[in-house]
Every structure is written in structure tokens, then in C-alpha cells.
N, C-alpha and C. Protein backbone atom coordinates (compact mmCIF):
# COMPACT_ATOMS: atom_id res chain seq x y z
N MET A 1 -15.66 10.39 -8.02
CA MET A 1 -14.69 10.93 -8.93
C MET A 1 -15.23 10.76 -10.35
N SER A 2 -15.24 11.82 -11.09
CA SER A 2 -15.77 11.74 -12.44
C SER A 2 -14.69 11.27 -13.40
N SER A 3 -15.11 10.58 -14.42
CA SER A 3 -14.14 10.10 -15.40
C SER A 3 -13.89 11.19 -16.43
N ILE A 4 -12.70 11.17 -16.97
CA ILE A 4 -12.31 12.13 -17.99
C ILE A 4 -12.24 11.36 -19.30
N PRO A 5 -13.18 11.59 -20.22
CA PRO A 5 -13.25 10.75 -21.42
C PRO A 5 -12.11 10.98 -22.39
N TRP A 6 -11.45 12.10 -22.37
CA TRP A 6 -10.43 12.37 -23.37
C TRP A 6 -9.07 11.78 -23.01
N LEU A 7 -8.91 11.19 -21.82
CA LEU A 7 -7.66 10.52 -21.48
C LEU A 7 -7.68 9.11 -22.07
N SER A 8 -6.61 8.75 -22.75
CA SER A 8 -6.60 7.47 -23.45
C SER A 8 -6.59 6.29 -22.49
N TRP A 9 -5.94 6.41 -21.33
CA TRP A 9 -5.86 5.29 -20.42
C TRP A 9 -7.09 5.17 -19.53
N ASN A 10 -7.98 6.11 -19.60
CA ASN A 10 -9.17 6.08 -18.76
C ASN A 10 -10.12 4.95 -19.17
N ASN A 11 -10.17 4.61 -20.42
CA ASN A 11 -11.11 3.61 -20.91
C ASN A 11 -10.48 2.24 -21.14
N LEU A 12 -9.24 2.05 -20.69
CA LEU A 12 -8.57 0.77 -20.88
C LEU A 12 -9.17 -0.28 -19.96
N LYS A 13 -9.37 -1.45 -20.49
CA LYS A 13 -9.86 -2.58 -19.71
C LYS A 13 -8.68 -3.49 -19.41
N VAL A 14 -8.47 -3.79 -18.15
CA VAL A 14 -7.37 -4.66 -17.74
C VAL A 14 -7.88 -6.09 -17.77
N PRO A 15 -7.23 -6.95 -18.55
CA PRO A 15 -7.69 -8.34 -18.61
C PRO A 15 -7.37 -9.06 -17.30
N PRO A 16 -8.18 -10.03 -16.93
CA PRO A 16 -7.88 -10.79 -15.71
C PRO A 16 -6.61 -11.62 -15.91
N PRO A 17 -5.90 -11.93 -14.83
CA PRO A 17 -4.67 -12.72 -14.96
C PRO A 17 -4.99 -14.15 -15.40
N PRO A 18 -4.05 -14.78 -16.08
CA PRO A 18 -4.27 -16.17 -16.50
C PRO A 18 -4.43 -17.09 -15.29
N GLU A 19 -5.01 -18.24 -15.53
CA GLU A 19 -5.29 -19.20 -14.46
C GLU A 19 -4.00 -19.71 -13.82
N GLU A 20 -2.91 -19.83 -14.60
CA GLU A 20 -1.64 -20.32 -14.04
C GLU A 20 -1.14 -19.37 -12.96
N ILE A 21 -1.27 -18.08 -13.21
CA ILE A 21 -0.80 -17.10 -12.24
C ILE A 21 -1.71 -17.09 -11.02
N LYS A 22 -3.00 -17.23 -11.21
CA LYS A 22 -3.92 -17.28 -10.07
C LYS A 22 -3.58 -18.46 -9.17
N GLY A 23 -3.31 -19.63 -9.76
CA GLY A 23 -2.96 -20.80 -8.97
C GLY A 23 -1.64 -20.63 -8.23
N LEU A 24 -0.67 -20.01 -8.88
CA LEU A 24 0.63 -19.78 -8.26
C LEU A 24 0.50 -18.83 -7.08
N VAL A 25 -0.25 -17.77 -7.26
CA VAL A 25 -0.44 -16.80 -6.18
C VAL A 25 -1.17 -17.43 -5.01
N SER A 26 -2.18 -18.25 -5.29
CA SER A 26 -2.92 -18.87 -4.19
C SER A 26 -2.06 -19.87 -3.43
N ARG A 27 -1.10 -20.53 -4.10
CA ARG A 27 -0.21 -21.46 -3.41
C ARG A 27 0.85 -20.73 -2.60
N LEU A 28 1.26 -19.55 -3.03
CA LEU A 28 2.32 -18.83 -2.34
C LEU A 28 1.82 -18.00 -1.16
N LYS A 29 0.55 -17.73 -1.10
CA LYS A 29 0.02 -16.91 -0.01
C LYS A 29 0.15 -17.63 1.32
N VAL A 30 0.62 -16.89 2.31
CA VAL A 30 0.69 -17.41 3.67
C VAL A 30 -0.43 -16.74 4.44
N LYS A 31 -1.27 -17.52 4.98
CA LYS A 31 -2.40 -16.96 5.72
C LYS A 31 -1.91 -16.48 7.08
N ALA A 32 -2.38 -15.30 7.49
CA ALA A 32 -1.95 -14.72 8.76
C ALA A 32 -2.39 -15.58 9.94
N GLU A 33 -3.44 -16.36 9.77
CA GLU A 33 -3.91 -17.19 10.86
C GLU A 33 -2.94 -18.34 11.15
N THR A 34 -2.12 -18.74 10.18
CA THR A 34 -1.21 -19.86 10.38
C THR A 34 0.06 -19.44 11.11
N ILE A 35 0.37 -18.15 11.17
CA ILE A 35 1.56 -17.67 11.85
C ILE A 35 1.19 -17.38 13.30
N PRO A 36 1.96 -17.90 14.26
CA PRO A 36 1.63 -17.65 15.67
C PRO A 36 1.75 -16.16 16.02
N ALA A 37 0.90 -15.71 16.92
CA ALA A 37 0.88 -14.30 17.33
C ALA A 37 2.21 -13.84 17.93
N PRO A 38 2.87 -14.64 18.78
CA PRO A 38 4.16 -14.17 19.31
C PRO A 38 5.21 -13.97 18.21
N LEU A 39 5.19 -14.80 17.18
CA LEU A 39 6.13 -14.64 16.09
C LEU A 39 5.84 -13.37 15.29
N LEU A 40 4.56 -13.07 15.07
CA LEU A 40 4.21 -11.82 14.40
C LEU A 40 4.64 -10.61 15.21
N ALA A 41 4.43 -10.65 16.52
CA ALA A 41 4.82 -9.54 17.40
C ALA A 41 6.33 -9.38 17.42
N LEU A 42 7.05 -10.48 17.50
CA LEU A 42 8.52 -10.43 17.52
C LEU A 42 9.07 -9.89 16.20
N SER A 43 8.49 -10.32 15.09
CA SER A 43 8.98 -9.84 13.80
C SER A 43 8.66 -8.36 13.61
N ALA A 44 7.50 -7.91 14.08
CA ALA A 44 7.17 -6.48 13.99
C ALA A 44 8.12 -5.66 14.85
N PHE A 45 8.43 -6.16 16.04
CA PHE A 45 9.38 -5.47 16.91
C PHE A 45 10.77 -5.41 16.27
N ALA A 46 11.20 -6.52 15.66
CA ALA A 46 12.52 -6.56 15.03
C ALA A 46 12.60 -5.60 13.85
N VAL A 47 11.58 -5.59 13.03
CA VAL A 47 11.58 -4.68 11.88
C VAL A 47 11.57 -3.23 12.34
N GLY A 48 10.79 -2.92 13.36
CA GLY A 48 10.76 -1.56 13.89
C GLY A 48 12.09 -1.16 14.49
N SER A 49 12.72 -2.06 15.22
CA SER A 49 14.02 -1.75 15.83
C SER A 49 15.09 -1.53 14.78
N ILE A 50 15.12 -2.37 13.77
CA ILE A 50 16.12 -2.22 12.71
C ILE A 50 15.90 -0.93 11.95
N THR A 51 14.65 -0.59 11.69
CA THR A 51 14.35 0.66 10.99
C THR A 51 14.76 1.87 11.82
N ALA A 52 14.49 1.84 13.11
CA ALA A 52 14.87 2.96 13.98
C ALA A 52 16.38 3.10 14.08
N ALA A 53 17.09 1.98 14.21
CA ALA A 53 18.55 2.03 14.31
C ALA A 53 19.16 2.53 13.00
N ALA A 54 18.65 2.07 11.88
CA ALA A 54 19.17 2.52 10.59
C ALA A 54 18.88 4.00 10.36
N GLY A 55 17.70 4.44 10.74
CA GLY A 55 17.37 5.86 10.61
C GLY A 55 18.25 6.73 11.47
N ASN A 56 18.52 6.29 12.68
CA ASN A 56 19.41 7.04 13.57
C ASN A 56 20.82 7.09 13.00
N ARG A 57 21.28 6.00 12.46
CA ARG A 57 22.63 5.95 11.88
C ARG A 57 22.75 6.89 10.68
N VAL A 58 21.76 6.89 9.81
CA VAL A 58 21.78 7.78 8.65
C VAL A 58 21.73 9.23 9.09
N TYR A 59 20.92 9.54 10.09
CA TYR A 59 20.83 10.91 10.56
C TYR A 59 22.16 11.39 11.14
N THR A 60 22.75 10.58 12.02
CA THR A 60 24.00 11.02 12.65
C THR A 60 25.16 11.06 11.66
N ARG A 61 25.10 10.27 10.63
CA ARG A 61 26.21 10.26 9.68
C ARG A 61 26.10 11.37 8.62
N TYR A 62 24.89 11.64 8.16
CA TYR A 62 24.75 12.54 7.02
C TYR A 62 24.00 13.84 7.31
N PHE A 63 23.09 13.87 8.27
CA PHE A 63 22.21 15.02 8.41
C PHE A 63 22.36 15.78 9.73
N ARG A 64 23.24 15.35 10.60
CA ARG A 64 23.39 16.01 11.89
C ARG A 64 23.96 17.40 11.69
N ARG A 65 23.43 18.34 12.42
CA ARG A 65 23.88 19.73 12.31
C ARG A 65 24.89 20.02 13.40
N PHE A 66 26.00 20.65 13.02
CA PHE A 66 26.98 21.09 13.99
C PHE A 66 26.61 22.48 14.46
N ARG A 67 26.65 22.72 15.76
CA ARG A 67 26.22 24.00 16.31
C ARG A 67 27.16 25.12 15.90
N ASN A 68 28.46 24.87 15.98
CA ASN A 68 29.44 25.85 15.54
C ASN A 68 30.74 25.12 15.22
N GLY A 69 31.77 25.87 14.90
CA GLY A 69 33.04 25.26 14.51
C GLY A 69 33.71 24.48 15.62
N ASP A 70 33.40 24.80 16.88
CA ASP A 70 34.00 24.07 18.00
C ASP A 70 33.50 22.63 18.09
N TRP A 71 32.35 22.35 17.50
CA TRP A 71 31.78 21.02 17.57
C TRP A 71 32.37 20.08 16.51
N ILE A 72 33.16 20.61 15.59
CA ILE A 72 33.77 19.77 14.56
C ILE A 72 35.08 19.22 15.12
N THR A 73 35.14 17.92 15.28
CA THR A 73 36.30 17.26 15.87
C THR A 73 37.11 16.57 14.78
N PRO A 74 38.32 16.13 15.11
CA PRO A 74 39.11 15.36 14.12
C PRO A 74 38.42 14.07 13.67
N ASN A 75 37.54 13.52 14.51
CA ASN A 75 36.82 12.30 14.11
C ASN A 75 35.93 12.55 12.91
N VAL A 76 35.41 13.76 12.80
CA VAL A 76 34.56 14.10 11.66
C VAL A 76 35.37 14.01 10.37
N PHE A 77 36.57 14.55 10.41
CA PHE A 77 37.42 14.50 9.22
C PHE A 77 38.00 13.11 8.97
N ALA A 78 38.11 12.30 10.01
CA ALA A 78 38.63 10.94 9.85
C ALA A 78 37.68 10.07 9.04
N LYS A 79 36.40 10.42 9.04
CA LYS A 79 35.41 9.65 8.29
C LYS A 79 35.42 9.99 6.80
N LYS A 80 36.31 10.91 6.41
CA LYS A 80 36.45 11.33 5.02
C LYS A 80 35.14 11.85 4.45
N ARG A 81 34.47 12.67 5.21
CA ARG A 81 33.26 13.26 4.71
C ARG A 81 33.45 14.76 4.58
N TRP A 82 32.69 15.36 3.72
CA TRP A 82 32.80 16.80 3.52
C TRP A 82 31.79 17.50 4.40
N ILE A 83 32.08 18.73 4.67
CA ILE A 83 31.22 19.54 5.52
C ILE A 83 30.77 20.74 4.74
N LYS A 84 29.49 20.98 4.72
CA LYS A 84 28.91 22.14 4.05
C LYS A 84 28.41 23.07 5.13
N GLY A 85 28.71 24.35 4.99
CA GLY A 85 28.27 25.28 6.01
C GLY A 85 28.11 26.69 5.47
N VAL A 86 27.63 27.54 6.33
CA VAL A 86 27.44 28.94 6.01
C VAL A 86 28.19 29.76 7.05
N VAL A 87 29.03 30.67 6.60
CA VAL A 87 29.75 31.53 7.51
C VAL A 87 28.85 32.72 7.83
N THR A 88 28.62 32.93 9.12
CA THR A 88 27.75 34.02 9.53
C THR A 88 28.50 35.20 10.12
N LYS A 89 29.73 35.00 10.61
CA LYS A 89 30.52 36.10 11.15
C LYS A 89 31.95 35.99 10.68
């Protein structure tokens, strides 16, 4: 990638972080080797499951498409949500 000399931020030099911050970051880091493999697998499974369940909930609540007017039930209106649609006939 070629550099563009006329951009002002292209030639900026970022100073290294102070030593206090380097020490703090090194103390806070958790090494992956210290966490047991079953715990990593369980946490990955839990995060994936929660993400899938939340995505499904958001889809069914806000983005689900109704096939026609017969599919709109009183439960839809009980949730106090609005319905946007296009009349085709």
C-alpha cells in the first residue's frame, strides 16, 4: 500500500504507551494456557447459544414477515407493536 503524503494523519507518529500502562496491561492479561480447555469450550458454547437465542428472539419479534392478513393474530396486537405492510390487491 502506498502512502499518501498530502494526508495530515499519514505522517503522525504514535508515541509508545507509558511504562505504568504497560505494567498494568501485563498484570491484567490472562494467558489462554492457564484456562482449562473444558472451561473454554463451555464458555464458547454458552456465548454461541446466547447469541443464537437472542438473534432468534429479535428476528421473531421485529423482522418476521407475515404471509398474508390471515397470519396476523390478536397476539400480534397484544404486544403493542405496529405493523407495516403493502396492499397488493
